[in-house]
Amino acid sequence: MASPDHAVDVFELDATALGKAGVNAVRATFGIVGFLALAAGIALLVWPGKTITVVAAILGVVVAFSGIARLALGIFSRGLSAAHRVLDIVLGVVVLLSGVIVLRNLAASAAALLLIAVLAIGISWIIEGVLAIVESGRGRSRAAGVTFGLLSILAGIFVLVWPGLSILAFATLAAVSLIILGISGLMRAAAFGKTEAAAPKPA
């Protein structure tokens, strides 16, 4: 029976249990989602005359892709616990549906679309943040996962509670949040599995 110091949380992304192929899959997932978020954030900042439709479309694509990536991780990755796979699949579906809801309502009025986008994006970012923290476990790459998780949760909360959020303010807040999350996601991808692999094995 494992001691408390060596017990592995069932939701932790344990690089040693995943193996090389699993680690590469996780890093690729983090990296692709991070790159997409960074690119979308930059696009939102520089897009001339952006409307809520443009903003919602970009955010909807990013969130939907994040859900698909999370689903793929839960379905195809080996080395994950059954509980972790179920959690990935369930939350992946929730995040994917959030993005789809935004994309299916692009023809709604500006006020309605803004409300839908705010709710969908805010809730999705909070879910992603909580999951990132839960997955970080106690590994050597924990700092990158926790940092990403906290930033994602804060971004989601800011989007949800900002009073009288205008279209321009929402676009700016979303763009800055995506850039920060994209950079931290790329850092998380780079850190995952490397330090664990470099650490000496216990005797």
N, C-alpha and C. Protein backbone atom coordinates (compact mmCIF):
# COMPACT_ATOMS: atom_id res chain seq x y z
N MET A 1 0.84 -1.20 0.00
CA MET A 1 0.00 0.00 0.00
C MET A 1 0.87 1.24 0.00
N ALA A 2 0.57 2.22 -0.90
CA ALA A 2 1.40 3.41 -1.02
C ALA A 2 1.24 4.30 0.17
N SER A 3 2.35 4.90 0.60
CA SER A 3 2.29 5.85 1.70
C SER A 3 1.71 7.14 1.22
N PRO A 4 1.22 8.01 2.14
CA PRO A 4 0.65 9.27 1.73
C PRO A 4 1.61 10.10 0.91
N ASP A 5 2.94 10.00 1.18
CA ASP A 5 3.91 10.82 0.46
C ASP A 5 4.05 10.39 -0.98
N HIS A 6 3.74 9.10 -1.24
CA HIS A 6 3.94 8.60 -2.59
C HIS A 6 2.63 8.28 -3.30
N ALA A 7 1.52 8.49 -2.65
CA ALA A 7 0.23 8.23 -3.28
C ALA A 7 0.01 9.22 -4.41
N VAL A 8 -0.56 8.74 -5.50
CA VAL A 8 -0.82 9.59 -6.65
C VAL A 8 -2.31 9.89 -6.73
N ASP A 9 -2.64 11.13 -6.78
CA ASP A 9 -4.03 11.53 -6.89
C ASP A 9 -4.60 10.98 -8.20
N VAL A 10 -5.84 10.48 -8.15
CA VAL A 10 -6.42 9.86 -9.34
C VAL A 10 -6.63 10.86 -10.47
N PHE A 11 -6.65 12.16 -10.15
CA PHE A 11 -6.84 13.17 -11.18
C PHE A 11 -5.54 13.82 -11.62
N GLU A 12 -4.44 13.40 -11.04
CA GLU A 12 -3.15 14.01 -11.38
C GLU A 12 -2.66 13.51 -12.73
N LEU A 13 -2.12 14.42 -13.54
CA LEU A 13 -1.47 14.02 -14.77
C LEU A 13 -0.04 13.60 -14.42
N ASP A 14 0.14 12.32 -14.18
CA ASP A 14 1.42 11.78 -13.75
C ASP A 14 2.24 11.38 -14.97
N ALA A 15 3.31 12.12 -15.25
CA ALA A 15 4.10 11.87 -16.45
C ALA A 15 4.72 10.48 -16.44
N THR A 16 5.11 10.00 -15.27
CA THR A 16 5.73 8.67 -15.19
C THR A 16 4.74 7.56 -15.53
N ALA A 17 3.46 7.77 -15.22
CA ALA A 17 2.44 6.76 -15.52
C ALA A 17 2.00 6.82 -16.98
N LEU A 18 2.09 8.00 -17.57
CA LEU A 18 1.62 8.18 -18.95
C LEU A 18 2.56 7.56 -19.97
N GLY A 19 3.84 7.51 -19.68
CA GLY A 19 4.81 7.03 -20.65
C GLY A 19 5.14 8.11 -21.67
N LYS A 20 6.11 7.82 -22.52
CA LYS A 20 6.59 8.83 -23.48
C LYS A 20 5.50 9.29 -24.43
N ALA A 21 4.75 8.34 -24.99
CA ALA A 21 3.69 8.69 -25.94
C ALA A 21 2.61 9.52 -25.26
N GLY A 22 2.24 9.15 -24.03
CA GLY A 22 1.23 9.90 -23.32
C GLY A 22 1.67 11.30 -22.97
N VAL A 23 2.94 11.42 -22.55
CA VAL A 23 3.49 12.74 -22.23
C VAL A 23 3.49 13.63 -23.47
N ASN A 24 3.90 13.06 -24.60
CA ASN A 24 3.91 13.84 -25.85
C ASN A 24 2.50 14.27 -26.24
N ALA A 25 1.51 13.40 -26.02
CA ALA A 25 0.12 13.75 -26.35
C ALA A 25 -0.38 14.89 -25.47
N VAL A 26 -0.06 14.83 -24.18
CA VAL A 26 -0.49 15.88 -23.26
C VAL A 26 0.19 17.20 -23.61
N ARG A 27 1.50 17.13 -23.87
CA ARG A 27 2.23 18.35 -24.22
C ARG A 27 1.71 18.95 -25.52
N ALA A 28 1.38 18.08 -26.49
CA ALA A 28 0.84 18.57 -27.75
C ALA A 28 -0.52 19.25 -27.54
N THR A 29 -1.34 18.65 -26.68
CA THR A 29 -2.66 19.23 -26.39
C THR A 29 -2.51 20.60 -25.75
N PHE A 30 -1.67 20.68 -24.70
CA PHE A 30 -1.44 21.96 -24.04
C PHE A 30 -0.87 22.99 -25.01
N GLY A 31 0.08 22.55 -25.84
CA GLY A 31 0.74 23.47 -26.75
C GLY A 31 -0.17 24.00 -27.84
N ILE A 32 -0.97 23.11 -28.44
CA ILE A 32 -1.87 23.54 -29.51
C ILE A 32 -2.93 24.50 -28.98
N VAL A 33 -3.52 24.14 -27.84
CA VAL A 33 -4.54 25.02 -27.24
C VAL A 33 -3.92 26.35 -26.84
N GLY A 34 -2.70 26.31 -26.29
CA GLY A 34 -2.03 27.55 -25.91
C GLY A 34 -1.72 28.42 -27.10
N PHE A 35 -1.23 27.83 -28.18
CA PHE A 35 -0.92 28.58 -29.40
C PHE A 35 -2.19 29.19 -29.99
N LEU A 36 -3.27 28.41 -30.02
CA LEU A 36 -4.54 28.92 -30.57
C LEU A 36 -5.05 30.09 -29.73
N ALA A 37 -4.96 29.98 -28.40
CA ALA A 37 -5.40 31.06 -27.53
C ALA A 37 -4.57 32.32 -27.76
N LEU A 38 -3.25 32.15 -27.88
CA LEU A 38 -2.36 33.29 -28.10
C LEU A 38 -2.67 33.97 -29.43
N ALA A 39 -2.84 33.16 -30.48
CA ALA A 39 -3.14 33.72 -31.80
C ALA A 39 -4.49 34.43 -31.81
N ALA A 40 -5.48 33.84 -31.14
CA ALA A 40 -6.81 34.45 -31.07
C ALA A 40 -6.77 35.77 -30.29
N GLY A 41 -6.00 35.79 -29.20
CA GLY A 41 -5.89 37.01 -28.42
C GLY A 41 -5.26 38.15 -29.21
N ILE A 42 -4.21 37.84 -29.95
CA ILE A 42 -3.56 38.86 -30.79
C ILE A 42 -4.51 39.33 -31.88
N ALA A 43 -5.25 38.39 -32.48
CA ALA A 43 -6.21 38.75 -33.53
C ALA A 43 -7.28 39.68 -32.99
N LEU A 44 -7.76 39.41 -31.77
CA LEU A 44 -8.78 40.27 -31.19
C LEU A 44 -8.26 41.68 -30.93
N LEU A 45 -7.00 41.78 -30.54
CA LEU A 45 -6.43 43.10 -30.25
C LEU A 45 -6.25 43.95 -31.51
N VAL A 46 -5.85 43.31 -32.61
CA VAL A 46 -5.50 44.07 -33.82
C VAL A 46 -6.63 44.13 -34.84
N TRP A 47 -7.72 43.37 -34.62
CA TRP A 47 -8.81 43.34 -35.61
C TRP A 47 -9.45 44.72 -35.71
N PRO A 48 -9.46 45.30 -36.92
CA PRO A 48 -10.04 46.64 -37.07
C PRO A 48 -11.57 46.60 -37.03
N GLY A 49 -12.16 47.55 -36.29
CA GLY A 49 -13.62 47.65 -36.23
C GLY A 49 -14.30 46.39 -35.80
N LYS A 50 -13.74 45.71 -34.81
CA LYS A 50 -14.32 44.43 -34.38
C LYS A 50 -15.72 44.63 -33.79
N THR A 51 -16.60 43.69 -34.11
CA THR A 51 -17.96 43.69 -33.58
C THR A 51 -18.10 42.52 -32.62
N ILE A 52 -19.21 42.49 -31.91
CA ILE A 52 -19.44 41.40 -30.98
C ILE A 52 -19.53 40.07 -31.72
N THR A 53 -19.98 40.10 -32.98
CA THR A 53 -20.07 38.87 -33.76
C THR A 53 -18.68 38.31 -34.02
N VAL A 54 -17.74 39.18 -34.39
CA VAL A 54 -16.36 38.75 -34.63
C VAL A 54 -15.74 38.22 -33.35
N VAL A 55 -15.91 38.97 -32.27
CA VAL A 55 -15.35 38.59 -30.97
C VAL A 55 -15.90 37.23 -30.53
N ALA A 56 -17.23 37.08 -30.60
CA ALA A 56 -17.86 35.85 -30.18
C ALA A 56 -17.44 34.67 -31.04
N ALA A 57 -17.29 34.91 -32.36
CA ALA A 57 -16.89 33.83 -33.26
C ALA A 57 -15.50 33.32 -32.92
N ILE A 58 -14.56 34.24 -32.69
CA ILE A 58 -13.19 33.84 -32.35
C ILE A 58 -13.16 33.09 -31.02
N LEU A 59 -13.86 33.64 -30.03
CA LEU A 59 -13.88 32.99 -28.71
C LEU A 59 -14.59 31.64 -28.77
N GLY A 60 -15.66 31.56 -29.53
CA GLY A 60 -16.39 30.30 -29.67
C GLY A 60 -15.52 29.20 -30.26
N VAL A 61 -14.73 29.55 -31.27
CA VAL A 61 -13.83 28.57 -31.89
C VAL A 61 -12.78 28.10 -30.90
N VAL A 62 -12.19 29.05 -30.16
CA VAL A 62 -11.15 28.69 -29.18
C VAL A 62 -11.72 27.76 -28.10
N VAL A 63 -12.88 28.11 -27.57
CA VAL A 63 -13.48 27.30 -26.51
C VAL A 63 -13.89 25.93 -27.04
N ALA A 64 -14.50 25.88 -28.22
CA ALA A 64 -14.91 24.61 -28.80
C ALA A 64 -13.70 23.70 -29.03
N PHE A 65 -12.62 24.27 -29.53
CA PHE A 65 -11.42 23.47 -29.76
C PHE A 65 -10.83 22.97 -28.45
N SER A 66 -10.87 23.80 -27.41
CA SER A 66 -10.39 23.37 -26.10
C SER A 66 -11.19 22.17 -25.60
N GLY A 67 -12.51 22.21 -25.82
CA GLY A 67 -13.35 21.08 -25.43
C GLY A 67 -13.02 19.83 -26.19
N ILE A 68 -12.79 19.96 -27.51
CA ILE A 68 -12.43 18.81 -28.34
C ILE A 68 -11.10 18.21 -27.88
N ALA A 69 -10.13 19.09 -27.59
CA ALA A 69 -8.82 18.62 -27.13
C ALA A 69 -8.94 17.87 -25.81
N ARG A 70 -9.78 18.40 -24.91
CA ARG A 70 -9.98 17.75 -23.61
C ARG A 70 -10.67 16.40 -23.80
N LEU A 71 -11.64 16.33 -24.71
CA LEU A 71 -12.31 15.06 -25.01
C LEU A 71 -11.32 14.04 -25.55
N ALA A 72 -10.49 14.47 -26.50
CA ALA A 72 -9.52 13.57 -27.11
C ALA A 72 -8.55 13.04 -26.06
N LEU A 73 -8.15 13.91 -25.15
CA LEU A 73 -7.23 13.50 -24.09
C LEU A 73 -7.87 12.42 -23.21
N GLY A 74 -9.15 12.62 -22.88
CA GLY A 74 -9.84 11.66 -22.03
C GLY A 74 -10.11 10.34 -22.72
N ILE A 75 -10.36 10.38 -24.03
CA ILE A 75 -10.72 9.15 -24.76
C ILE A 75 -9.49 8.35 -25.17
N PHE A 76 -8.45 9.02 -25.65
CA PHE A 76 -7.35 8.30 -26.30
C PHE A 76 -6.09 8.17 -25.46
N SER A 77 -5.92 8.99 -24.43
CA SER A 77 -4.67 8.94 -23.67
C SER A 77 -4.63 7.72 -22.76
N ARG A 78 -3.53 6.98 -22.81
CA ARG A 78 -3.33 5.85 -21.93
C ARG A 78 -2.59 6.32 -20.68
N GLY A 79 -2.76 5.60 -19.60
CA GLY A 79 -2.07 5.94 -18.38
C GLY A 79 -2.88 6.82 -17.44
N LEU A 80 -4.04 7.28 -17.89
CA LEU A 80 -4.91 8.07 -17.02
C LEU A 80 -5.80 7.14 -16.21
N SER A 81 -6.13 7.55 -15.00
CA SER A 81 -7.06 6.76 -14.19
C SER A 81 -8.45 6.83 -14.82
N ALA A 82 -9.29 5.86 -14.49
CA ALA A 82 -10.65 5.85 -15.02
C ALA A 82 -11.40 7.11 -14.61
N ALA A 83 -11.20 7.54 -13.35
CA ALA A 83 -11.87 8.75 -12.87
C ALA A 83 -11.43 9.97 -13.65
N HIS A 84 -10.13 10.02 -13.95
CA HIS A 84 -9.60 11.17 -14.70
C HIS A 84 -10.15 11.19 -16.12
N ARG A 85 -10.23 10.04 -16.74
CA ARG A 85 -10.77 9.97 -18.11
C ARG A 85 -12.22 10.42 -18.14
N VAL A 86 -13.01 9.97 -17.16
CA VAL A 86 -14.42 10.36 -17.10
C VAL A 86 -14.53 11.87 -16.90
N LEU A 87 -13.69 12.42 -16.00
CA LEU A 87 -13.72 13.86 -15.75
C LEU A 87 -13.36 14.64 -17.00
N ASP A 88 -12.32 14.20 -17.71
CA ASP A 88 -11.92 14.86 -18.96
C ASP A 88 -13.06 14.84 -19.98
N ILE A 89 -13.71 13.69 -20.11
CA ILE A 89 -14.77 13.55 -21.11
C ILE A 89 -15.97 14.43 -20.75
N VAL A 90 -16.39 14.38 -19.49
CA VAL A 90 -17.56 15.16 -19.07
C VAL A 90 -17.31 16.66 -19.22
N LEU A 91 -16.18 17.12 -18.69
CA LEU A 91 -15.88 18.55 -18.77
C LEU A 91 -15.54 18.97 -20.19
N GLY A 92 -14.95 18.06 -20.96
CA GLY A 92 -14.71 18.36 -22.37
C GLY A 92 -16.00 18.60 -23.12
N VAL A 93 -17.01 17.78 -22.82
CA VAL A 93 -18.33 17.97 -23.45
C VAL A 93 -18.94 19.31 -23.04
N VAL A 94 -18.82 19.65 -21.76
CA VAL A 94 -19.37 20.92 -21.27
C VAL A 94 -18.70 22.11 -21.95
N VAL A 95 -17.37 22.08 -22.04
CA VAL A 95 -16.63 23.16 -22.67
C VAL A 95 -16.94 23.24 -24.16
N LEU A 96 -16.99 22.08 -24.82
CA LEU A 96 -17.33 22.04 -26.24
C LEU A 96 -18.71 22.62 -26.49
N LEU A 97 -19.69 22.22 -25.68
CA LEU A 97 -21.05 22.75 -25.84
C LEU A 97 -21.09 24.25 -25.62
N SER A 98 -20.27 24.77 -24.70
CA SER A 98 -20.23 26.21 -24.48
C SER A 98 -19.79 26.93 -25.74
N GLY A 99 -18.75 26.40 -26.39
CA GLY A 99 -18.30 27.01 -27.64
C GLY A 99 -19.33 26.90 -28.74
N VAL A 100 -19.99 25.75 -28.83
CA VAL A 100 -21.01 25.54 -29.86
C VAL A 100 -22.20 26.48 -29.65
N ILE A 101 -22.59 26.68 -28.40
CA ILE A 101 -23.70 27.59 -28.10
C ILE A 101 -23.39 28.99 -28.59
N VAL A 102 -22.16 29.44 -28.35
CA VAL A 102 -21.77 30.77 -28.82
C VAL A 102 -21.82 30.83 -30.35
N LEU A 103 -21.25 29.84 -31.00
CA LEU A 103 -21.19 29.84 -32.47
C LEU A 103 -22.57 29.74 -33.11
N ARG A 104 -23.50 29.05 -32.46
CA ARG A 104 -24.84 28.89 -33.02
C ARG A 104 -25.72 30.13 -32.79
N ASN A 105 -25.25 31.07 -31.99
CA ASN A 105 -26.05 32.26 -31.71
C ASN A 105 -25.41 33.54 -32.25
N LEU A 106 -24.57 33.40 -33.26
CA LEU A 106 -23.90 34.57 -33.82
C LEU A 106 -24.87 35.56 -34.47
N ALA A 107 -26.04 35.05 -34.87
CA ALA A 107 -27.03 35.92 -35.51
C ALA A 107 -27.92 36.64 -34.51
N ALA A 108 -27.73 36.37 -33.22
CA ALA A 108 -28.56 37.02 -32.19
C ALA A 108 -28.23 38.51 -32.11
N SER A 109 -29.08 39.25 -31.41
CA SER A 109 -28.83 40.67 -31.23
C SER A 109 -27.53 40.87 -30.47
N ALA A 110 -26.95 42.06 -30.59
CA ALA A 110 -25.66 42.34 -29.96
C ALA A 110 -25.72 42.12 -28.44
N ALA A 111 -26.79 42.60 -27.82
CA ALA A 111 -26.92 42.47 -26.37
C ALA A 111 -27.05 41.01 -25.95
N ALA A 112 -27.87 40.25 -26.69
CA ALA A 112 -28.07 38.84 -26.37
C ALA A 112 -26.80 38.04 -26.59
N LEU A 113 -26.11 38.32 -27.70
CA LEU A 113 -24.88 37.59 -28.02
C LEU A 113 -23.79 37.90 -27.00
N LEU A 114 -23.72 39.15 -26.56
CA LEU A 114 -22.74 39.52 -25.54
C LEU A 114 -22.97 38.74 -24.25
N LEU A 115 -24.24 38.64 -23.84
CA LEU A 115 -24.58 37.91 -22.63
C LEU A 115 -24.23 36.42 -22.77
N ILE A 116 -24.58 35.83 -23.91
CA ILE A 116 -24.29 34.42 -24.15
C ILE A 116 -22.78 34.18 -24.13
N ALA A 117 -22.04 35.06 -24.80
CA ALA A 117 -20.59 34.90 -24.87
C ALA A 117 -19.95 35.05 -23.49
N VAL A 118 -20.40 36.02 -22.73
CA VAL A 118 -19.85 36.26 -21.39
C VAL A 118 -20.05 35.03 -20.51
N LEU A 119 -21.27 34.49 -20.50
CA LEU A 119 -21.57 33.33 -19.67
C LEU A 119 -20.78 32.10 -20.12
N ALA A 120 -20.77 31.83 -21.42
CA ALA A 120 -20.11 30.64 -21.94
C ALA A 120 -18.60 30.70 -21.72
N ILE A 121 -18.00 31.85 -22.05
CA ILE A 121 -16.55 31.97 -21.94
C ILE A 121 -16.13 31.97 -20.47
N GLY A 122 -16.84 32.73 -19.64
CA GLY A 122 -16.49 32.80 -18.23
C GLY A 122 -16.54 31.45 -17.55
N ILE A 123 -17.63 30.72 -17.76
CA ILE A 123 -17.79 29.41 -17.14
C ILE A 123 -16.74 28.42 -17.66
N SER A 124 -16.47 28.46 -18.97
CA SER A 124 -15.50 27.55 -19.57
C SER A 124 -14.11 27.79 -19.00
N TRP A 125 -13.72 29.05 -18.86
CA TRP A 125 -12.38 29.35 -18.34
C TRP A 125 -12.25 28.92 -16.88
N ILE A 126 -13.31 29.08 -16.11
CA ILE A 126 -13.26 28.64 -14.72
C ILE A 126 -13.12 27.12 -14.65
N ILE A 127 -13.87 26.40 -15.48
CA ILE A 127 -13.78 24.93 -15.51
C ILE A 127 -12.37 24.49 -15.89
N GLU A 128 -11.82 25.11 -16.94
CA GLU A 128 -10.46 24.76 -17.38
C GLU A 128 -9.44 25.04 -16.28
N GLY A 129 -9.63 26.16 -15.56
CA GLY A 129 -8.71 26.52 -14.51
C GLY A 129 -8.73 25.54 -13.35
N VAL A 130 -9.93 25.17 -12.92
CA VAL A 130 -10.07 24.22 -11.83
C VAL A 130 -9.45 22.87 -12.22
N LEU A 131 -9.72 22.43 -13.44
CA LEU A 131 -9.19 21.15 -13.90
C LEU A 131 -7.67 21.18 -13.97
N ALA A 132 -7.10 22.31 -14.42
CA ALA A 132 -5.64 22.43 -14.51
C ALA A 132 -5.00 22.30 -13.13
N ILE A 133 -5.61 22.91 -12.13
CA ILE A 133 -5.08 22.84 -10.77
C ILE A 133 -5.19 21.43 -10.22
N VAL A 134 -6.35 20.79 -10.45
CA VAL A 134 -6.55 19.42 -9.98
C VAL A 134 -5.54 18.48 -10.63
N GLU A 135 -5.28 18.68 -11.92
CA GLU A 135 -4.37 17.80 -12.65
C GLU A 135 -2.91 17.99 -12.25
N SER A 136 -2.58 19.15 -11.71
CA SER A 136 -1.17 19.46 -11.45
C SER A 136 -0.56 18.58 -10.38
N GLY A 137 -1.40 18.04 -9.48
CA GLY A 137 -0.91 17.12 -8.46
C GLY A 137 0.23 17.69 -7.66
N ARG A 138 1.25 16.85 -7.44
CA ARG A 138 2.42 17.28 -6.67
C ARG A 138 3.71 17.10 -7.46
N GLY A 139 3.58 17.02 -8.78
CA GLY A 139 4.76 16.83 -9.61
C GLY A 139 5.61 18.08 -9.69
N ARG A 140 6.79 17.92 -10.32
CA ARG A 140 7.72 19.03 -10.42
C ARG A 140 7.21 20.11 -11.38
N SER A 141 6.28 19.78 -12.27
CA SER A 141 5.71 20.78 -13.18
C SER A 141 4.43 21.38 -12.61
N ARG A 142 4.20 21.17 -11.31
CA ARG A 142 2.99 21.67 -10.66
C ARG A 142 2.84 23.19 -10.81
N ALA A 143 3.96 23.91 -10.68
CA ALA A 143 3.89 25.38 -10.70
C ALA A 143 3.26 25.88 -11.99
N ALA A 144 3.64 25.31 -13.13
CA ALA A 144 3.10 25.74 -14.42
C ALA A 144 1.60 25.46 -14.50
N GLY A 145 1.17 24.28 -14.02
CA GLY A 145 -0.24 23.93 -14.05
C GLY A 145 -1.07 24.81 -13.14
N VAL A 146 -0.58 25.05 -11.93
CA VAL A 146 -1.31 25.89 -10.98
C VAL A 146 -1.39 27.33 -11.48
N THR A 147 -0.28 27.83 -12.05
CA THR A 147 -0.28 29.20 -12.58
C THR A 147 -1.32 29.35 -13.68
N PHE A 148 -1.33 28.39 -14.62
CA PHE A 148 -2.33 28.43 -15.69
C PHE A 148 -3.74 28.36 -15.12
N GLY A 149 -3.94 27.46 -14.14
CA GLY A 149 -5.27 27.29 -13.55
C GLY A 149 -5.76 28.55 -12.87
N LEU A 150 -4.91 29.17 -12.07
CA LEU A 150 -5.31 30.39 -11.36
C LEU A 150 -5.61 31.53 -12.34
N LEU A 151 -4.78 31.68 -13.37
CA LEU A 151 -5.02 32.73 -14.36
C LEU A 151 -6.33 32.49 -15.10
N SER A 152 -6.61 31.23 -15.42
CA SER A 152 -7.85 30.90 -16.13
C SER A 152 -9.07 31.18 -15.26
N ILE A 153 -8.99 30.81 -13.97
CA ILE A 153 -10.11 31.06 -13.06
C ILE A 153 -10.33 32.56 -12.89
N LEU A 154 -9.25 33.32 -12.71
CA LEU A 154 -9.37 34.78 -12.55
C LEU A 154 -9.96 35.42 -13.79
N ALA A 155 -9.51 34.97 -14.97
CA ALA A 155 -10.06 35.52 -16.22
C ALA A 155 -11.54 35.23 -16.33
N GLY A 156 -11.95 34.01 -15.98
CA GLY A 156 -13.36 33.66 -16.03
C GLY A 156 -14.20 34.48 -15.07
N ILE A 157 -13.67 34.70 -13.86
CA ILE A 157 -14.40 35.50 -12.87
C ILE A 157 -14.52 36.94 -13.32
N PHE A 158 -13.43 37.52 -13.84
CA PHE A 158 -13.46 38.90 -14.32
C PHE A 158 -14.51 39.08 -15.41
N VAL A 159 -14.56 38.12 -16.34
CA VAL A 159 -15.53 38.21 -17.43
C VAL A 159 -16.96 38.16 -16.88
N LEU A 160 -17.20 37.31 -15.90
CA LEU A 160 -18.56 37.12 -15.38
C LEU A 160 -19.04 38.27 -14.51
N VAL A 161 -18.13 38.89 -13.75
CA VAL A 161 -18.57 39.87 -12.75
C VAL A 161 -18.32 41.31 -13.14
N TRP A 162 -17.65 41.55 -14.26
CA TRP A 162 -17.37 42.93 -14.67
C TRP A 162 -18.69 43.68 -14.87
N PRO A 163 -18.93 44.77 -14.11
CA PRO A 163 -20.22 45.48 -14.22
C PRO A 163 -20.33 46.28 -15.51
N GLY A 164 -21.50 46.21 -16.13
CA GLY A 164 -21.76 47.00 -17.33
C GLY A 164 -20.75 46.75 -18.43
N LEU A 165 -20.40 45.51 -18.65
CA LEU A 165 -19.38 45.16 -19.63
C LEU A 165 -19.84 45.52 -21.04
N SER A 166 -19.10 46.42 -21.70
CA SER A 166 -19.42 46.81 -23.07
C SER A 166 -18.76 45.84 -24.05
N ILE A 167 -19.15 45.95 -25.30
CA ILE A 167 -18.56 45.08 -26.32
C ILE A 167 -17.06 45.31 -26.42
N LEU A 168 -16.64 46.57 -26.43
CA LEU A 168 -15.22 46.89 -26.55
C LEU A 168 -14.45 46.40 -25.32
N ALA A 169 -15.03 46.62 -24.13
CA ALA A 169 -14.36 46.17 -22.91
C ALA A 169 -14.25 44.65 -22.88
N PHE A 170 -15.31 43.97 -23.31
CA PHE A 170 -15.29 42.51 -23.35
C PHE A 170 -14.22 42.01 -24.32
N ALA A 171 -14.15 42.65 -25.49
CA ALA A 171 -13.17 42.24 -26.49
C ALA A 171 -11.75 42.43 -25.96
N THR A 172 -11.51 43.58 -25.31
CA THR A 172 -10.17 43.86 -24.78
C THR A 172 -9.81 42.90 -23.66
N LEU A 173 -10.75 42.69 -22.74
CA LEU A 173 -10.51 41.78 -21.63
C LEU A 173 -10.27 40.37 -22.12
N ALA A 174 -11.08 39.94 -23.09
CA ALA A 174 -10.93 38.59 -23.65
C ALA A 174 -9.60 38.44 -24.37
N ALA A 175 -9.20 39.48 -25.12
CA ALA A 175 -7.95 39.43 -25.87
C ALA A 175 -6.75 39.32 -24.93
N VAL A 176 -6.72 40.17 -23.91
CA VAL A 176 -5.61 40.14 -22.96
C VAL A 176 -5.59 38.79 -22.22
N SER A 177 -6.76 38.31 -21.83
CA SER A 177 -6.84 37.03 -21.12
C SER A 177 -6.33 35.89 -22.01
N LEU A 178 -6.73 35.90 -23.27
CA LEU A 178 -6.30 34.84 -24.19
C LEU A 178 -4.78 34.86 -24.39
N ILE A 179 -4.21 36.05 -24.50
CA ILE A 179 -2.77 36.15 -24.68
C ILE A 179 -2.04 35.61 -23.45
N ILE A 180 -2.49 36.00 -22.26
CA ILE A 180 -1.86 35.53 -21.02
C ILE A 180 -2.03 34.02 -20.88
N LEU A 181 -3.25 33.53 -21.14
CA LEU A 181 -3.50 32.09 -21.03
C LEU A 181 -2.73 31.32 -22.10
N GLY A 182 -2.61 31.90 -23.29
CA GLY A 182 -1.87 31.24 -24.35
C GLY A 182 -0.40 31.08 -24.00
N ILE A 183 0.20 32.14 -23.47
CA ILE A 183 1.61 32.08 -23.08
C ILE A 183 1.81 31.08 -21.94
N SER A 184 0.93 31.16 -20.92
CA SER A 184 1.08 30.23 -19.79
C SER A 184 0.80 28.79 -20.22
N GLY A 185 -0.10 28.61 -21.20
CA GLY A 185 -0.37 27.27 -21.72
C GLY A 185 0.83 26.70 -22.46
N LEU A 186 1.53 27.53 -23.23
CA LEU A 186 2.74 27.09 -23.92
C LEU A 186 3.84 26.74 -22.92
N MET A 187 3.94 27.55 -21.85
CA MET A 187 4.91 27.25 -20.81
C MET A 187 4.57 25.94 -20.09
N ARG A 188 3.29 25.71 -19.89
CA ARG A 188 2.85 24.46 -19.27
C ARG A 188 3.20 23.27 -20.15
N ALA A 189 3.01 23.44 -21.47
CA ALA A 189 3.35 22.36 -22.40
C ALA A 189 4.84 22.06 -22.36
N ALA A 190 5.66 23.12 -22.30
CA ALA A 190 7.10 22.94 -22.28
C ALA A 190 7.57 22.28 -20.99
N ALA A 191 6.91 22.59 -19.89
CA ALA A 191 7.36 22.08 -18.58
C ALA A 191 6.89 20.66 -18.31
N PHE A 192 5.74 20.28 -18.86
CA PHE A 192 5.16 18.99 -18.48
C PHE A 192 6.05 17.82 -18.88
N GLY A 193 6.33 16.96 -17.93
CA GLY A 193 7.06 15.73 -18.20
C GLY A 193 8.56 15.86 -18.24
N LYS A 194 9.09 17.08 -18.43
CA LYS A 194 10.53 17.24 -18.57
C LYS A 194 11.25 17.08 -17.24
N THR A 195 10.76 17.80 -16.24
CA THR A 195 11.44 17.76 -14.95
C THR A 195 11.28 16.41 -14.28
N GLU A 196 10.10 15.78 -14.48
CA GLU A 196 9.91 14.44 -13.92
C GLU A 196 10.88 13.45 -14.54
N ALA A 197 11.09 13.58 -15.85
CA ALA A 197 11.98 12.66 -16.54
C ALA A 197 13.42 12.86 -16.10
N ALA A 198 13.75 14.13 -15.78
CA ALA A 198 15.13 14.44 -15.40
C ALA A 198 15.43 14.09 -13.96
N ALA A 199 14.36 13.94 -13.15
CA ALA A 199 14.57 13.66 -11.73
C ALA A 199 15.09 12.25 -11.53
N PRO A 200 16.00 12.05 -10.57
CA PRO A 200 16.52 10.71 -10.32
C PRO A 200 15.45 9.79 -9.76
N LYS A 201 15.47 8.55 -10.14
CA LYS A 201 14.48 7.59 -9.64
C LYS A 201 14.81 7.21 -8.20
N PRO A 202 13.79 7.07 -7.35
CA PRO A 202 14.06 6.70 -5.97
C PRO A 202 14.62 5.29 -5.90
N ALA A 203 15.48 5.07 -4.92
CA ALA A 203 16.10 3.75 -4.77
C ALA A 203 15.08 2.74 -4.29
